[in-house]
Each structure stands twice: as C-alpha cells, then as structure tokens.
Amino acid sequence: MERRIKRYLKYLEGIRISELPEEELKFLKGELLTQISFFSHERLIHLLVTLFFALFTVISMAAFVITAVFSLGILSILFLILLVPYVRHYYILENSVQKMYVFYDSITIAASGEKEKNILFM
C-alpha cells in the first residue's frame, strides 16, 4: 500500500494543473476523489488496528507490572515491536491523504478559473 500511495503522489506531483483543459481537470478531480476515498478507508482501518495494538500493549504492560509474570513481559515486548510498524504505516497514510487534499484544492481552484488562492482551506 505504501508503494502505491507514494507512486500516486508522484504522479500527482508531475501534473501541471494550470495547463490542463477543463475536461481533464474534471476527470482528474473525480479520479482524485475516488483515490482519496480508497486511501481514507485504508487510513481508518489502520487507525483502528493501531489503536487496538496500542491498547493491547498498554494492557499487557500493566498486567506484567502487576503480576510480574515473565510471559506477559514477552507479550508486551512483542506487541510493542508490532506497534512500531503500524504507527509508521498510519503516519504515512495520514500525511499522504493530507497531501491529496491539497492537490484536490488546487484542482478545484484551477477548475473554477480563480487566479488567487482565496479559499480558506488553502
């Protein structure tokens, strides 16, 4: 997924929005909305997985501190090791979707024919 989202962002960065005709801008805007939807769904799923892994990590660490059972300590470490890649992946998804929002706003401005970026969300 990470490769796919980075490849799509690279594709978007290569487009010169100001040079596209109105029809292509509309098509690009629709395509971008679809991709944002896909990646936002992926982002939500990974947020839930990351939150559950963080919760399991905290619970297992608390149980280890309270009971001092060695196997709970190992379980805590395993959860922590798995949590790090989940947080990294969620970070990449979140930032990439935010970049797509900026591209969408740029396309909206270009499609409306405005020369100034006077839209509040820019």
PDB file of N, CA and C in Angstrom:
ATOM      1  N   MET A   1       0.826  -1.189   0.000  1.00  0.00           N
ATOM      2  CA  MET A   1       0.000   0.000   0.000  1.00  0.00           C
ATOM      3  C   MET A   1       0.870   1.253   0.000  1.00  0.00           C
ATOM      4  N   GLU A   2       1.952   1.202   0.756  1.00  0.00           N
ATOM      5  CA  GLU A   2       2.837   2.371   0.842  1.00  0.00           C
ATOM      6  C   GLU A   2       3.413   2.716  -0.530  1.00  0.00           C
ATOM      7  N   ARG A   3       3.833   1.691  -1.271  1.00  0.00           N
ATOM      8  CA  ARG A   3       4.378   1.925  -2.601  1.00  0.00           C
ATOM      9  C   ARG A   3       3.323   2.536  -3.531  1.00  0.00           C
ATOM     10  N   ARG A   4       2.110   2.024  -3.413  1.00  0.00           N
ATOM     11  CA  ARG A   4       1.024   2.505  -4.272  1.00  0.00           C
ATOM     12  C   ARG A   4       0.710   3.970  -3.994  1.00  0.00           C
ATOM     13  N   ILE A   5       0.637   4.331  -2.739  1.00  0.00           N
ATOM     14  CA  ILE A   5       0.293   5.713  -2.398  1.00  0.00           C
ATOM     15  C   ILE A   5       1.429   6.664  -2.779  1.00  0.00           C
ATOM     16  N   LYS A   6       2.667   6.238  -2.604  1.00  0.00           N
ATOM     17  CA  LYS A   6       3.798   7.092  -2.992  1.00  0.00           C
ATOM     18  C   LYS A   6       3.858   7.253  -4.506  1.00  0.00           C
ATOM     19  N   ARG A   7       3.558   6.175  -5.235  1.00  0.00           N
ATOM     20  CA  ARG A   7       3.537   6.245  -6.694  1.00  0.00           C
ATOM     21  C   ARG A   7       2.433   7.195  -7.169  1.00  0.00           C
ATOM     22  N   TYR A   8       1.280   7.150  -6.519  1.00  0.00           N
ATOM     23  CA  TYR A   8       0.173   8.024  -6.905  1.00  0.00           C
ATOM     24  C   TYR A   8       0.501   9.482  -6.601  1.00  0.00           C
ATOM     25  N   LEU A   9       1.137   9.742  -5.462  1.00  0.00           N
ATOM     26  CA  LEU A   9       1.534  11.114  -5.135  1.00  0.00           C
ATOM     27  C   LEU A   9       2.569  11.636  -6.129  1.00  0.00           C
ATOM     28  N   LYS A  10       3.478  10.780  -6.547  1.00  0.00           N
ATOM     29  CA  LYS A  10       4.475  11.183  -7.536  1.00  0.00           C
ATOM     30  C   LYS A  10       3.794  11.514  -8.862  1.00  0.00           C
ATOM     31  N   TYR A  11       2.791  10.726  -9.220  1.00  0.00           N
ATOM     32  CA  TYR A  11       2.012  11.000 -10.429  1.00  0.00           C
ATOM     33  C   TYR A  11       1.322  12.362 -10.320  1.00  0.00           C
ATOM     34  N   LEU A  12       0.724  12.651  -9.172  1.00  0.00           N
ATOM     35  CA  LEU A  12       0.043  13.932  -8.985  1.00  0.00           C
ATOM     36  C   LEU A  12       1.021  15.107  -9.037  1.00  0.00           C
ATOM     37  N   GLU A  13       2.194  14.919  -8.463  1.00  0.00           N
ATOM     38  CA  GLU A  13       3.181  15.997  -8.466  1.00  0.00           C
ATOM     39  C   GLU A  13       3.698  16.296  -9.878  1.00  0.00           C
ATOM     40  N   GLY A  14       3.617  15.320 -10.764  1.00  0.00           N
ATOM     41  CA  GLY A  14       4.080  15.512 -12.130  1.00  0.00           C
ATOM     42  C   GLY A  14       3.075  16.210 -13.035  1.00  0.00           C
ATOM     43  N   ILE A  15       1.869  16.389 -12.547  1.00  0.00           N
ATOM     44  CA  ILE A  15       0.820  17.014 -13.369  1.00  0.00           C
ATOM     45  C   ILE A  15       0.893  18.528 -13.224  1.00  0.00           C
ATOM     46  N   ARG A  16       0.837  19.197 -14.343  1.00  0.00           N
ATOM     47  CA  ARG A  16       0.778  20.668 -14.340  1.00  0.00           C
ATOM     48  C   ARG A  16      -0.690  21.064 -14.463  1.00  0.00           C
ATOM     49  N   ILE A  17      -1.278  21.322 -13.329  1.00  0.00           N
ATOM     50  CA  ILE A  17      -2.714  21.573 -13.266  1.00  0.00           C
ATOM     51  C   ILE A  17      -3.118  22.788 -14.084  1.00  0.00           C
ATOM     52  N   SER A  18      -2.306  23.811 -14.074  1.00  0.00           N
ATOM     53  CA  SER A  18      -2.668  25.050 -14.776  1.00  0.00           C
ATOM     54  C   SER A  18      -2.718  24.881 -16.288  1.00  0.00           C
ATOM     55  N   GLU A  19      -2.090  23.835 -16.818  1.00  0.00           N
ATOM     56  CA  GLU A  19      -2.044  23.623 -18.261  1.00  0.00           C
ATOM     57  C   GLU A  19      -3.116  22.661 -18.770  1.00  0.00           C
ATOM     58  N   LEU A  20      -3.896  22.083 -17.860  1.00  0.00           N
ATOM     59  CA  LEU A  20      -4.899  21.102 -18.274  1.00  0.00           C
ATOM     60  C   LEU A  20      -6.192  21.773 -18.721  1.00  0.00           C
ATOM     61  N   PRO A  21      -6.822  21.228 -19.763  1.00  0.00           N
ATOM     62  CA  PRO A  21      -8.132  21.757 -20.151  1.00  0.00           C
ATOM     63  C   PRO A  21      -9.192  21.394 -19.105  1.00  0.00           C
ATOM     64  N   GLU A  22     -10.312  22.064 -19.179  1.00  0.00           N
ATOM     65  CA  GLU A  22     -11.363  21.900 -18.167  1.00  0.00           C
ATOM     66  C   GLU A  22     -11.874  20.464 -18.073  1.00  0.00           C
ATOM     67  N   GLU A  23     -12.006  19.777 -19.187  1.00  0.00           N
ATOM     68  CA  GLU A  23     -12.492  18.394 -19.175  1.00  0.00           C
ATOM     69  C   GLU A  23     -11.538  17.480 -18.416  1.00  0.00           C
ATOM     70  N   GLU A  24     -10.255  17.651 -18.660  1.00  0.00           N
ATOM     71  CA  GLU A  24      -9.266  16.822 -17.964  1.00  0.00           C
ATOM     72  C   GLU A  24      -9.219  17.160 -16.480  1.00  0.00           C
ATOM     73  N   LEU A  25      -9.434  18.426 -16.134  1.00  0.00           N
ATOM     74  CA  LEU A  25      -9.481  18.806 -14.719  1.00  0.00           C
ATOM     75  C   LEU A  25     -10.642  18.119 -14.015  1.00  0.00           C
ATOM     76  N   LYS A  26     -11.801  18.067 -14.675  1.00  0.00           N
ATOM     77  CA  LYS A  26     -12.962  17.396 -14.087  1.00  0.00           C
ATOM     78  C   LYS A  26     -12.699  15.909 -13.901  1.00  0.00           C
ATOM     79  N   PHE A  27     -12.079  15.291 -14.922  1.00  0.00           N
ATOM     80  CA  PHE A  27     -11.745  13.870 -14.824  1.00  0.00           C
ATOM     81  C   PHE A  27     -10.752  13.626 -13.694  1.00  0.00           C
ATOM     82  N   LEU A  28      -9.714  14.460 -13.636  1.00  0.00           N
ATOM     83  CA  LEU A  28      -8.696  14.326 -12.599  1.00  0.00           C
ATOM     84  C   LEU A  28      -9.290  14.524 -11.214  1.00  0.00           C
ATOM     85  N   LYS A  29     -10.195  15.468 -11.095  1.00  0.00           N
ATOM     86  CA  LYS A  29     -10.851  15.732  -9.815  1.00  0.00           C
ATOM     87  C   LYS A  29     -11.666  14.520  -9.355  1.00  0.00           C
ATOM     88  N   GLY A  30     -12.394  13.908 -10.281  1.00  0.00           N
ATOM     89  CA  GLY A  30     -13.168  12.708  -9.948  1.00  0.00           C
ATOM     90  C   GLY A  30     -12.278  11.540  -9.572  1.00  0.00           C
ATOM     91  N   GLU A  31     -11.203  11.377 -10.344  1.00  0.00           N
ATOM     92  CA  GLU A  31     -10.247  10.300 -10.057  1.00  0.00           C
ATOM     93  C   GLU A  31      -9.606  10.507  -8.689  1.00  0.00           C
ATOM     94  N   LEU A  32      -9.249  11.742  -8.394  1.00  0.00           N
ATOM     95  CA  LEU A  32      -8.618  12.050  -7.114  1.00  0.00           C
ATOM     96  C   LEU A  32      -9.575  11.809  -5.952  1.00  0.00           C
ATOM     97  N   LEU A  33     -10.839  12.175  -6.135  1.00  0.00           N
ATOM     98  CA  LEU A  33     -11.834  11.906  -5.084  1.00  0.00           C
ATOM     99  C   LEU A  33     -11.969  10.405  -4.816  1.00  0.00           C
ATOM    100  N   THR A  34     -11.933   9.612  -5.880  1.00  0.00           N
ATOM    101  CA  THR A  34     -12.009   8.162  -5.718  1.00  0.00           C
ATOM    102  C   THR A  34     -10.797   7.642  -4.958  1.00  0.00           C
ATOM    103  N   GLN A  35      -9.605   8.102  -5.330  1.00  0.00           N
ATOM    104  CA  GLN A  35      -8.392   7.657  -4.640  1.00  0.00           C
ATOM    105  C   GLN A  35      -8.377   8.113  -3.186  1.00  0.00           C
ATOM    106  N   ILE A  36      -8.816   9.342  -2.935  1.00  0.00           N
ATOM    107  CA  ILE A  36      -8.894   9.830  -1.557  1.00  0.00           C
ATOM    108  C   ILE A  36      -9.834   8.953  -0.747  1.00  0.00           C
ATOM    109  N   SER A  37     -10.934   8.558  -1.348  1.00  0.00           N
ATOM    110  CA  SER A  37     -11.889   7.689  -0.674  1.00  0.00           C
ATOM    111  C   SER A  37     -11.259   6.342  -0.320  1.00  0.00           C
ATOM    112  N   PHE A  38     -10.549   5.739  -1.284  1.00  0.00           N
ATOM    113  CA  PHE A  38      -9.880   4.457  -1.029  1.00  0.00           C
ATOM    114  C   PHE A  38      -8.853   4.580   0.087  1.00  0.00           C
ATOM    115  N   PHE A  39      -8.005   5.610  -0.009  1.00  0.00           N
ATOM    116  CA  PHE A  39      -6.942   5.755   0.971  1.00  0.00           C
ATOM    117  C   PHE A  39      -7.493   6.178   2.333  1.00  0.00           C
ATOM    118  N   SER A  40      -8.589   6.912   2.354  1.00  0.00           N
ATOM    119  CA  SER A  40      -9.200   7.284   3.635  1.00  0.00           C
ATOM    120  C   SER A  40      -9.774   6.060   4.333  1.00  0.00           C
ATOM    121  N   HIS A  41     -10.354   5.158   3.548  1.00  0.00           N
ATOM    122  CA  HIS A  41     -10.851   3.914   4.142  1.00  0.00           C
ATOM    123  C   HIS A  41      -9.697   3.100   4.717  1.00  0.00           C
ATOM    124  N   GLU A  42      -8.625   3.012   3.960  1.00  0.00           N
ATOM    125  CA  GLU A  42      -7.428   2.309   4.431  1.00  0.00           C
ATOM    126  C   GLU A  42      -6.887   2.965   5.700  1.00  0.00           C
ATOM    127  N   ARG A  43      -6.910   4.286   5.722  1.00  0.00           N
ATOM    128  CA  ARG A  43      -6.426   5.042   6.879  1.00  0.00           C
ATOM    129  C   ARG A  43      -7.273   4.736   8.113  1.00  0.00           C
ATOM    130  N   LEU A  44      -8.587   4.672   7.945  1.00  0.00           N
ATOM    131  CA  LEU A  44      -9.473   4.369   9.067  1.00  0.00           C
ATOM    132  C   LEU A  44      -9.209   2.972   9.620  1.00  0.00           C
ATOM    133  N   ILE A  45      -9.071   2.007   8.732  1.00  0.00           N
ATOM    134  CA  ILE A  45      -8.807   0.635   9.175  1.00  0.00           C
ATOM    135  C   ILE A  45      -7.475   0.562   9.930  1.00  0.00           C
ATOM    136  N   HIS A  46      -6.458   1.218   9.403  1.00  0.00           N
ATOM    137  CA  HIS A  46      -5.158   1.179  10.072  1.00  0.00           C
ATOM    138  C   HIS A  46      -5.166   1.964  11.382  1.00  0.00           C
ATOM    139  N   LEU A  47      -5.978   2.989  11.480  1.00  0.00           N
ATOM    140  CA  LEU A  47      -6.117   3.701  12.749  1.00  0.00           C
ATOM    141  C   LEU A  47      -6.699   2.771  13.801  1.00  0.00           C
ATOM    142  N   LEU A  48      -7.745   2.034  13.435  1.00  0.00           N
ATOM    143  CA  LEU A  48      -8.355   1.107  14.387  1.00  0.00           C
ATOM    144  C   LEU A  48      -7.380   0.006  14.804  1.00  0.00           C
ATOM    145  N   VAL A  49      -6.672  -0.553  13.842  1.00  0.00           N
ATOM    146  CA  VAL A  49      -5.699  -1.604  14.163  1.00  0.00           C
ATOM    147  C   VAL A  49      -4.597  -1.053  15.065  1.00  0.00           C
ATOM    148  N   THR A  50      -4.109   0.137  14.752  1.00  0.00           N
ATOM    149  CA  THR A  50      -3.049   0.759  15.547  1.00  0.00           C
ATOM    150  C   THR A  50      -3.538   1.038  16.970  1.00  0.00           C
ATOM    151  N   LEU A  51      -4.753   1.544  17.099  1.00  0.00           N
ATOM    152  CA  LEU A  51      -5.299   1.817  18.430  1.00  0.00           C
ATOM    153  C   LEU A  51      -5.462   0.537  19.249  1.00  0.00           C
ATOM    154  N   PHE A  52      -5.939  -0.531  18.607  1.00  0.00           N
ATOM    155  CA  PHE A  52      -6.085  -1.794  19.328  1.00  0.00           C
ATOM    156  C   PHE A  52      -4.736  -2.365  19.745  1.00  0.00           C
ATOM    157  N   PHE A  53      -3.745  -2.278  18.866  1.00  0.00           N
ATOM    158  CA  PHE A  53      -2.419  -2.760  19.245  1.00  0.00           C
ATOM    159  C   PHE A  53      -1.837  -1.926  20.383  1.00  0.00           C
ATOM    160  N   ALA A  54      -2.067  -0.619  20.357  1.00  0.00           N
ATOM    161  CA  ALA A  54      -1.593   0.235  21.451  1.00  0.00           C
ATOM    162  C   ALA A  54      -2.305  -0.134  22.756  1.00  0.00           C
ATOM    163  N   LEU A  55      -3.609  -0.374  22.663  1.00  0.00           N
ATOM    164  CA  LEU A  55      -4.372  -0.771  23.851  1.00  0.00           C
ATOM    165  C   LEU A  55      -3.884  -2.109  24.398  1.00  0.00           C
ATOM    166  N   PHE A  56      -3.668  -3.086  23.513  1.00  0.00           N
ATOM    167  CA  PHE A  56      -3.163  -4.388  23.945  1.00  0.00           C
ATOM    168  C   PHE A  56      -1.774  -4.266  24.565  1.00  0.00           C
ATOM    169  N   THR A  57      -0.954  -3.382  24.013  1.00  0.00           N
ATOM    170  CA  THR A  57       0.386  -3.165  24.551  1.00  0.00           C
ATOM    171  C   THR A  57       0.312  -2.605  25.962  1.00  0.00           C
ATOM    172  N   VAL A  58      -0.511  -1.589  26.152  1.00  0.00           N
ATOM    173  CA  VAL A  58      -0.633  -0.979  27.482  1.00  0.00           C
ATOM    174  C   VAL A  58      -1.214  -1.971  28.484  1.00  0.00           C
ATOM    175  N   ILE A  59      -2.232  -2.709  28.084  1.00  0.00           N
ATOM    176  CA  ILE A  59      -2.853  -3.686  28.991  1.00  0.00           C
ATOM    177  C   ILE A  59      -1.860  -4.780  29.370  1.00  0.00           C
ATOM    178  N   SER A  60      -1.122  -5.282  28.390  1.00  0.00           N
ATOM    179  CA  SER A  60      -0.160  -6.348  28.702  1.00  0.00           C
ATOM    180  C   SER A  60       0.989  -5.828  29.565  1.00  0.00           C
ATOM    181  N   MET A  61       1.410  -4.571  29.337  1.00  0.00           N
ATOM    182  CA  MET A  61       2.460  -3.995  30.192  1.00  0.00           C
ATOM    183  C   MET A  61       1.961  -3.802  31.618  1.00  0.00           C
ATOM    184  N   ALA A  62       0.735  -3.319  31.746  1.00  0.00           N
ATOM    185  CA  ALA A  62       0.156  -3.137  33.084  1.00  0.00           C
ATOM    186  C   ALA A  62       0.009  -4.479  33.796  1.00  0.00           C
ATOM    187  N   ALA A  63      -0.440  -5.495  33.069  1.00  0.00           N
ATOM    188  CA  ALA A  63      -0.577  -6.825  33.658  1.00  0.00           C
ATOM    189  C   ALA A  63       0.783  -7.366  34.070  1.00  0.00           C
ATOM    190  N   PHE A  64       1.814  -7.116  33.282  1.00  0.00           N
ATOM    191  CA  PHE A  64       3.160  -7.569  33.632  1.00  0.00           C
ATOM    192  C   PHE A  64       3.665  -6.874  34.891  1.00  0.00           C
ATOM    193  N   VAL A  65       3.432  -5.564  34.979  1.00  0.00           N
ATOM    194  CA  VAL A  65       3.885  -4.816  36.159  1.00  0.00           C
ATOM    195  C   VAL A  65       3.155  -5.294  37.409  1.00  0.00           C
ATOM    196  N   ILE A  66       1.871  -5.577  37.280  1.00  0.00           N
ATOM    197  CA  ILE A  66       1.073  -6.000  38.441  1.00  0.00           C
ATOM    198  C   ILE A  66       1.410  -7.433  38.860  1.00  0.00           C
ATOM    199  N   THR A  67       1.525  -8.343  37.887  1.00  0.00           N
ATOM    200  CA  THR A  67       1.699  -9.758  38.229  1.00  0.00           C
ATOM    201  C   THR A  67       3.141 -10.246  38.176  1.00  0.00           C
ATOM    202  N   ALA A  68       4.002  -9.556  37.454  1.00  0.00           N
ATOM    203  CA  ALA A  68       5.405  -9.945  37.274  1.00  0.00           C
ATOM    204  C   ALA A  68       5.551 -11.331  36.640  1.00  0.00           C
ATOM    205  N   VAL A  69       4.599 -11.700  35.803  1.00  0.00           N
ATOM    206  CA  VAL A  69       4.667 -12.960  35.069  1.00  0.00           C
ATOM    207  C   VAL A  69       5.537 -12.729  33.826  1.00  0.00           C
ATOM    208  N   PHE A  70       6.562 -13.554  33.681  1.00  0.00           N
ATOM    209  CA  PHE A  70       7.544 -13.375  32.613  1.00  0.00           C
ATOM    210  C   PHE A  70       6.911 -13.409  31.217  1.00  0.00           C
ATOM    211  N   SER A  71       5.970 -14.299  31.010  1.00  0.00           N
ATOM    212  CA  SER A  71       5.351 -14.425  29.676  1.00  0.00           C
ATOM    213  C   SER A  71       4.577 -13.156  29.292  1.00  0.00           C
ATOM    214  N   LEU A  72       4.035 -12.444  30.272  1.00  0.00           N
ATOM    215  CA  LEU A  72       3.357 -11.176  29.976  1.00  0.00           C
ATOM    216  C   LEU A  72       4.367 -10.108  29.548  1.00  0.00           C
ATOM    217  N   GLY A  73       5.553 -10.171  30.097  1.00  0.00           N
ATOM    218  CA  GLY A  73       6.609  -9.247  29.681  1.00  0.00           C
ATOM    219  C   GLY A  73       7.011  -9.484  28.235  1.00  0.00           C
ATOM    220  N   ILE A  74       7.132 -10.745  27.861  1.00  0.00           N
ATOM    221  CA  ILE A  74       7.464 -11.079  26.474  1.00  0.00           C
ATOM    222  C   ILE A  74       6.330 -10.668  25.548  1.00  0.00           C
ATOM    223  N   LEU A  75       5.090 -10.904  25.969  1.00  0.00           N
ATOM    224  CA  LEU A  75       3.942 -10.493  25.168  1.00  0.00           C
ATOM    225  C   LEU A  75       3.923  -8.976  24.979  1.00  0.00           C
ATOM    226  N   SER A  76       4.256  -8.234  26.031  1.00  0.00           N
ATOM    227  CA  SER A  76       4.314  -6.769  25.938  1.00  0.00           C
ATOM    228  C   SER A  76       5.356  -6.322  24.920  1.00  0.00           C
ATOM    229  N   ILE A  77       6.503  -6.962  24.955  1.00  0.00           N
ATOM    230  CA  ILE A  77       7.573  -6.619  24.013  1.00  0.00           C
ATOM    231  C   ILE A  77       7.152  -6.939  22.578  1.00  0.00           C
ATOM    232  N   LEU A  78       6.493  -8.077  22.390  1.00  0.00           N
ATOM    233  CA  LEU A  78       6.027  -8.439  21.044  1.00  0.00           C
ATOM    234  C   LEU A  78       4.992  -7.439  20.531  1.00  0.00           C
ATOM    235  N   PHE A  79       4.057  -7.060  21.393  1.00  0.00           N
ATOM    236  CA  PHE A  79       3.073  -6.051  20.994  1.00  0.00           C
ATOM    237  C   PHE A  79       3.758  -4.732  20.643  1.00  0.00           C
ATOM    238  N   LEU A  80       4.741  -4.342  21.424  1.00  0.00           N
ATOM    239  CA  LEU A  80       5.458  -3.097  21.169  1.00  0.00           C
ATOM    240  C   LEU A  80       6.214  -3.158  19.843  1.00  0.00           C
ATOM    241  N   ILE A  81       6.823  -4.294  19.559  1.00  0.00           N
ATOM    242  CA  ILE A  81       7.545  -4.468  18.297  1.00  0.00           C
ATOM    243  C   ILE A  81       6.581  -4.379  17.115  1.00  0.00           C
ATOM    244  N   LEU A  82       5.391  -4.936  17.255  1.00  0.00           N
ATOM    245  CA  LEU A  82       4.404  -4.858  16.176  1.00  0.00           C
ATOM    246  C   LEU A  82       3.768  -3.476  16.073  1.00  0.00           C
ATOM    247  N   LEU A  83       3.717  -2.760  17.167  1.00  0.00           N
ATOM    248  CA  LEU A  83       3.085  -1.441  17.173  1.00  0.00           C
ATOM    249  C   LEU A  83       3.888  -0.414  16.364  1.00  0.00           C
ATOM    250  N   VAL A  84       5.183  -0.509  16.405  1.00  0.00           N
ATOM    251  CA  VAL A  84       6.037   0.476  15.720  1.00  0.00           C
ATOM    252  C   VAL A  84       5.762   0.523  14.208  1.00  0.00           C
ATOM    253  N   PRO A  85       5.742  -0.620  13.486  1.00  0.00           N
ATOM    254  CA  PRO A  85       5.430  -0.539  12.049  1.00  0.00           C
ATOM    255  C   PRO A  85       4.005  -0.042  11.770  1.00  0.00           C
ATOM    256  N   TYR A  86       3.060  -0.389  12.644  1.00  0.00           N
ATOM    257  CA  TYR A  86       1.690   0.099  12.456  1.00  0.00           C
ATOM    258  C   TYR A  86       1.625   1.615  12.577  1.00  0.00           C
ATOM    259  N   VAL A  87       2.321   2.181  13.547  1.00  0.00           N
ATOM    260  CA  VAL A  87       2.332   3.636  13.721  1.00  0.00           C
ATOM    261  C   VAL A  87       3.000   4.290  12.509  1.00  0.00           C
ATOM    262  N   ARG A  88       4.090   3.724  12.045  1.00  0.00           N
ATOM    263  CA  ARG A  88       4.787   4.269  10.871  1.00  0.00           C
ATOM    264  C   ARG A  88       3.886   4.250   9.644  1.00  0.00           C
ATOM    265  N   HIS A  89       3.218   3.117   9.424  1.00  0.00           N
ATOM    266  CA  HIS A  89       2.354   2.997   8.254  1.00  0.00           C
ATOM    267  C   HIS A  89       1.177   3.973   8.344  1.00  0.00           C
ATOM    268  N   TYR A  90       0.595   4.107   9.523  1.00  0.00           N
ATOM    269  CA  TYR A  90      -0.509   5.047   9.687  1.00  0.00           C
ATOM    270  C   TYR A  90      -0.032   6.482   9.451  1.00  0.00           C
ATOM    271  N   TYR A  91       1.157   6.791   9.910  1.00  0.00           N
ATOM    272  CA  TYR A  91       1.734   8.127   9.704  1.00  0.00           C
ATOM    273  C   TYR A  91       1.857   8.431   8.207  1.00  0.00           C
ATOM    274  N   ILE A  92       2.346   7.469   7.446  1.00  0.00           N
ATOM    275  CA  ILE A  92       2.495   7.652   6.006  1.00  0.00           C
ATOM    276  C   ILE A  92       1.126   7.828   5.344  1.00  0.00           C
ATOM    277  N   LEU A  93       0.152   7.007   5.732  1.00  0.00           N
ATOM    278  CA  LEU A  93      -1.190   7.139   5.167  1.00  0.00           C
ATOM    279  C   LEU A  93      -1.800   8.500   5.475  1.00  0.00           C
ATOM    280  N   GLU A  94      -1.699   8.921   6.711  1.00  0.00           N
ATOM    281  CA  GLU A  94      -2.294  10.197   7.128  1.00  0.00           C
ATOM    282  C   GLU A  94      -1.682  11.363   6.357  1.00  0.00           C
ATOM    283  N   ASN A  95      -0.374  11.427   6.300  1.00  0.00           N
ATOM    284  CA  ASN A  95       0.291  12.535   5.601  1.00  0.00           C
ATOM    285  C   ASN A  95       0.021  12.510   4.100  1.00  0.00           C
ATOM    286  N   SER A  96      -0.047  11.332   3.516  1.00  0.00           N
ATOM    287  CA  SER A  96      -0.303  11.227   2.085  1.00  0.00           C
ATOM    288  C   SER A  96      -1.712  11.689   1.738  1.00  0.00           C
ATOM    289  N   VAL A  97      -2.680  11.319   2.547  1.00  0.00           N
ATOM    290  CA  VAL A  97      -4.055  11.762   2.292  1.00  0.00           C
ATOM    291  C   VAL A  97      -4.155  13.279   2.460  1.00  0.00           C
ATOM    292  N   GLN A  98      -3.447  13.830   3.419  1.00  0.00           N
ATOM    293  CA  GLN A  98      -3.440  15.287   3.586  1.00  0.00           C
ATOM    294  C   GLN A  98      -2.864  15.971   2.347  1.00  0.00           C
ATOM    295  N   LYS A  99      -1.824  15.385   1.752  1.00  0.00           N
ATOM    296  CA  LYS A  99      -1.257  15.943   0.517  1.00  0.00           C
ATOM    297  C   LYS A  99      -2.269  15.867  -0.623  1.00  0.00           C
ATOM    298  N   MET A 100      -3.037  14.773  -0.659  1.00  0.00           N
ATOM    299  CA  MET A 100      -4.058  14.641  -1.692  1.00  0.00           C
ATOM    300  C   MET A 100      -5.141  15.704  -1.537  1.00  0.00           C
ATOM    301  N   TYR A 101      -5.451  16.072  -0.311  1.00  0.00           N
ATOM    302  CA  TYR A 101      -6.420  17.153  -0.085  1.00  0.00           C
ATOM    303  C   TYR A 101      -5.912  18.458  -0.697  1.00  0.00           C
ATOM    304  N   VAL A 102      -4.625  18.719  -0.555  1.00  0.00           N
ATOM    305  CA  VAL A 102      -4.039  19.936  -1.125  1.00  0.00           C
ATOM    306  C   VAL A 102      -4.133  19.899  -2.653  1.00  0.00           C
ATOM    307  N   PHE A 103      -3.843  18.733  -3.255  1.00  0.00           N
ATOM    308  CA  PHE A 103      -3.973  18.603  -4.707  1.00  0.00           C
ATOM    309  C   PHE A 103      -5.429  18.814  -5.131  1.00  0.00           C
ATOM    310  N   TYR A 104      -6.350  18.258  -4.366  1.00  0.00           N
ATOM    311  CA  TYR A 104      -7.764  18.427  -4.691  1.00  0.00           C
ATOM    312  C   TYR A 104      -8.158  19.904  -4.645  1.00  0.00           C
ATOM    313  N   ASP A 105      -7.697  20.599  -3.616  1.00  0.00           N
ATOM    314  CA  ASP A 105      -7.979  22.035  -3.517  1.00  0.00           C
ATOM    315  C   ASP A 105      -7.389  22.795  -4.700  1.00  0.00           C
ATOM    316  N   SER A 106      -6.180  22.426  -5.124  1.00  0.00           N
ATOM    317  CA  SER A 106      -5.545  23.076  -6.279  1.00  0.00           C
ATOM    318  C   SER A 106      -6.341  22.843  -7.549  1.00  0.00           C
ATOM    319  N   ILE A 107      -6.835  21.642  -7.717  1.00  0.00           N
ATOM    320  CA  ILE A 107      -7.643  21.332  -8.897  1.00  0.00           C
ATOM    321  C   ILE A 107      -8.956  22.113  -8.850  1.00  0.00           C
ATOM    322  N   THR A 108      -9.554  22.213  -7.673  1.00  0.00           N
ATOM    323  CA  THR A 108     -10.801  22.970  -7.521  1.00  0.00           C
ATOM    324  C   THR A 108     -10.593  24.427  -7.895  1.00  0.00           C
ATOM    325  N   ILE A 109      -9.492  24.997  -7.458  1.00  0.00           N
ATOM    326  CA  ILE A 109      -9.181  26.396  -7.782  1.00  0.00           C
ATOM    327  C   ILE A 109      -8.954  26.548  -9.289  1.00  0.00           C
ATOM    328  N   ALA A 110      -8.187  25.616  -9.867  1.00  0.00           N
ATOM    329  CA  ALA A 110      -7.904  25.702 -11.302  1.00  0.00           C
ATOM    330  C   ALA A 110      -9.181  25.520 -12.131  1.00  0.00           C
ATOM    331  N   ALA A 111     -10.059  24.628 -11.685  1.00  0.00           N
ATOM    332  CA  ALA A 111     -11.294  24.379 -12.430  1.00  0.00           C
ATOM    333  C   ALA A 111     -12.258  25.559 -12.344  1.00  0.00           C
ATOM    334  N   SER A 112     -12.191  26.302 -11.237  1.00  0.00           N
ATOM    335  CA  SER A 112     -13.098  27.443 -11.090  1.00  0.00           C
ATOM    336  C   SER A 112     -12.580  28.666 -11.835  1.00  0.00           C
ATOM    337  N   GLY A 113     -11.330  28.630 -12.273  1.00  0.00           N
ATOM    338  CA  GLY A 113     -10.763  29.731 -13.037  1.00  0.00           C
ATOM    339  C   GLY A 113     -10.240  30.861 -12.175  1.00  0.00           C
ATOM    340  N   GLU A 114     -10.181  30.654 -10.874  1.00  0.00           N
ATOM    341  CA  GLU A 114      -9.673  31.708  -9.989  1.00  0.00           C
ATOM    342  C   GLU A 114      -8.164  31.813 -10.116  1.00  0.00           C
ATOM    343  N   LYS A 115      -7.680  33.022 -10.081  1.00  0.00           N
ATOM    344  CA  LYS A 115      -6.232  33.240 -10.140  1.00  0.00           C
ATOM    345  C   LYS A 115      -5.636  33.287  -8.744  1.00  0.00           C
ATOM    346  N   GLU A 116      -6.415  33.748  -7.779  1.00  0.00           N
ATOM    347  CA  GLU A 116      -5.921  33.868  -6.413  1.00  0.00           C
ATOM    348  C   GLU A 116      -6.370  32.664  -5.602  1.00  0.00           C
ATOM    349  N   LYS A 117      -5.571  32.347  -4.636  1.00  0.00           N
ATOM    350  CA  LYS A 117      -5.925  31.256  -3.720  1.00  0.00           C
ATOM    351  C   LYS A 117      -6.620  31.862  -2.510  1.00  0.00           C
ATOM    352  N   ASN A 118      -7.833  32.306  -2.724  1.00  0.00           N
ATOM    353  CA  ASN A 118      -8.544  32.959  -1.627  1.00  0.00           C
ATOM    354  C   ASN A 118      -9.507  32.033  -0.918  1.00  0.00           C
ATOM    355  N   ILE A 119      -9.404  30.743  -1.186  1.00  0.00           N
ATOM    356  CA  ILE A 119     -10.230  29.785  -0.483  1.00  0.00           C
ATOM    357  C   ILE A 119      -9.634  29.531   0.889  1.00  0.00           C
ATOM    358  N   LEU A 120     -10.455  29.518   1.899  1.00  0.00           N
ATOM    359  CA  LEU A 120      -9.958  29.448   3.280  1.00  0.00           C
ATOM    360  C   LEU A 120      -9.174  28.191   3.589  1.00  0.00           C
ATOM    361  N   PHE A 121      -9.477  27.083   2.955  1.00  0.00           N
ATOM    362  CA  PHE A 121      -8.801  25.849   3.319  1.00  0.00           C
ATOM    363  C   PHE A 121      -7.471  25.660   2.634  1.00  0.00           C
ATOM    364  N   MET A 122      -6.963  26.630   1.961  1.00  0.00           N
ATOM    365  CA  MET A 122      -5.641  26.503   1.335  1.00  0.00           C
ATOM    366  C   MET A 122      -4.609  26.947   2.291  1.00  0.00           C
TER     367      MET A 122
END
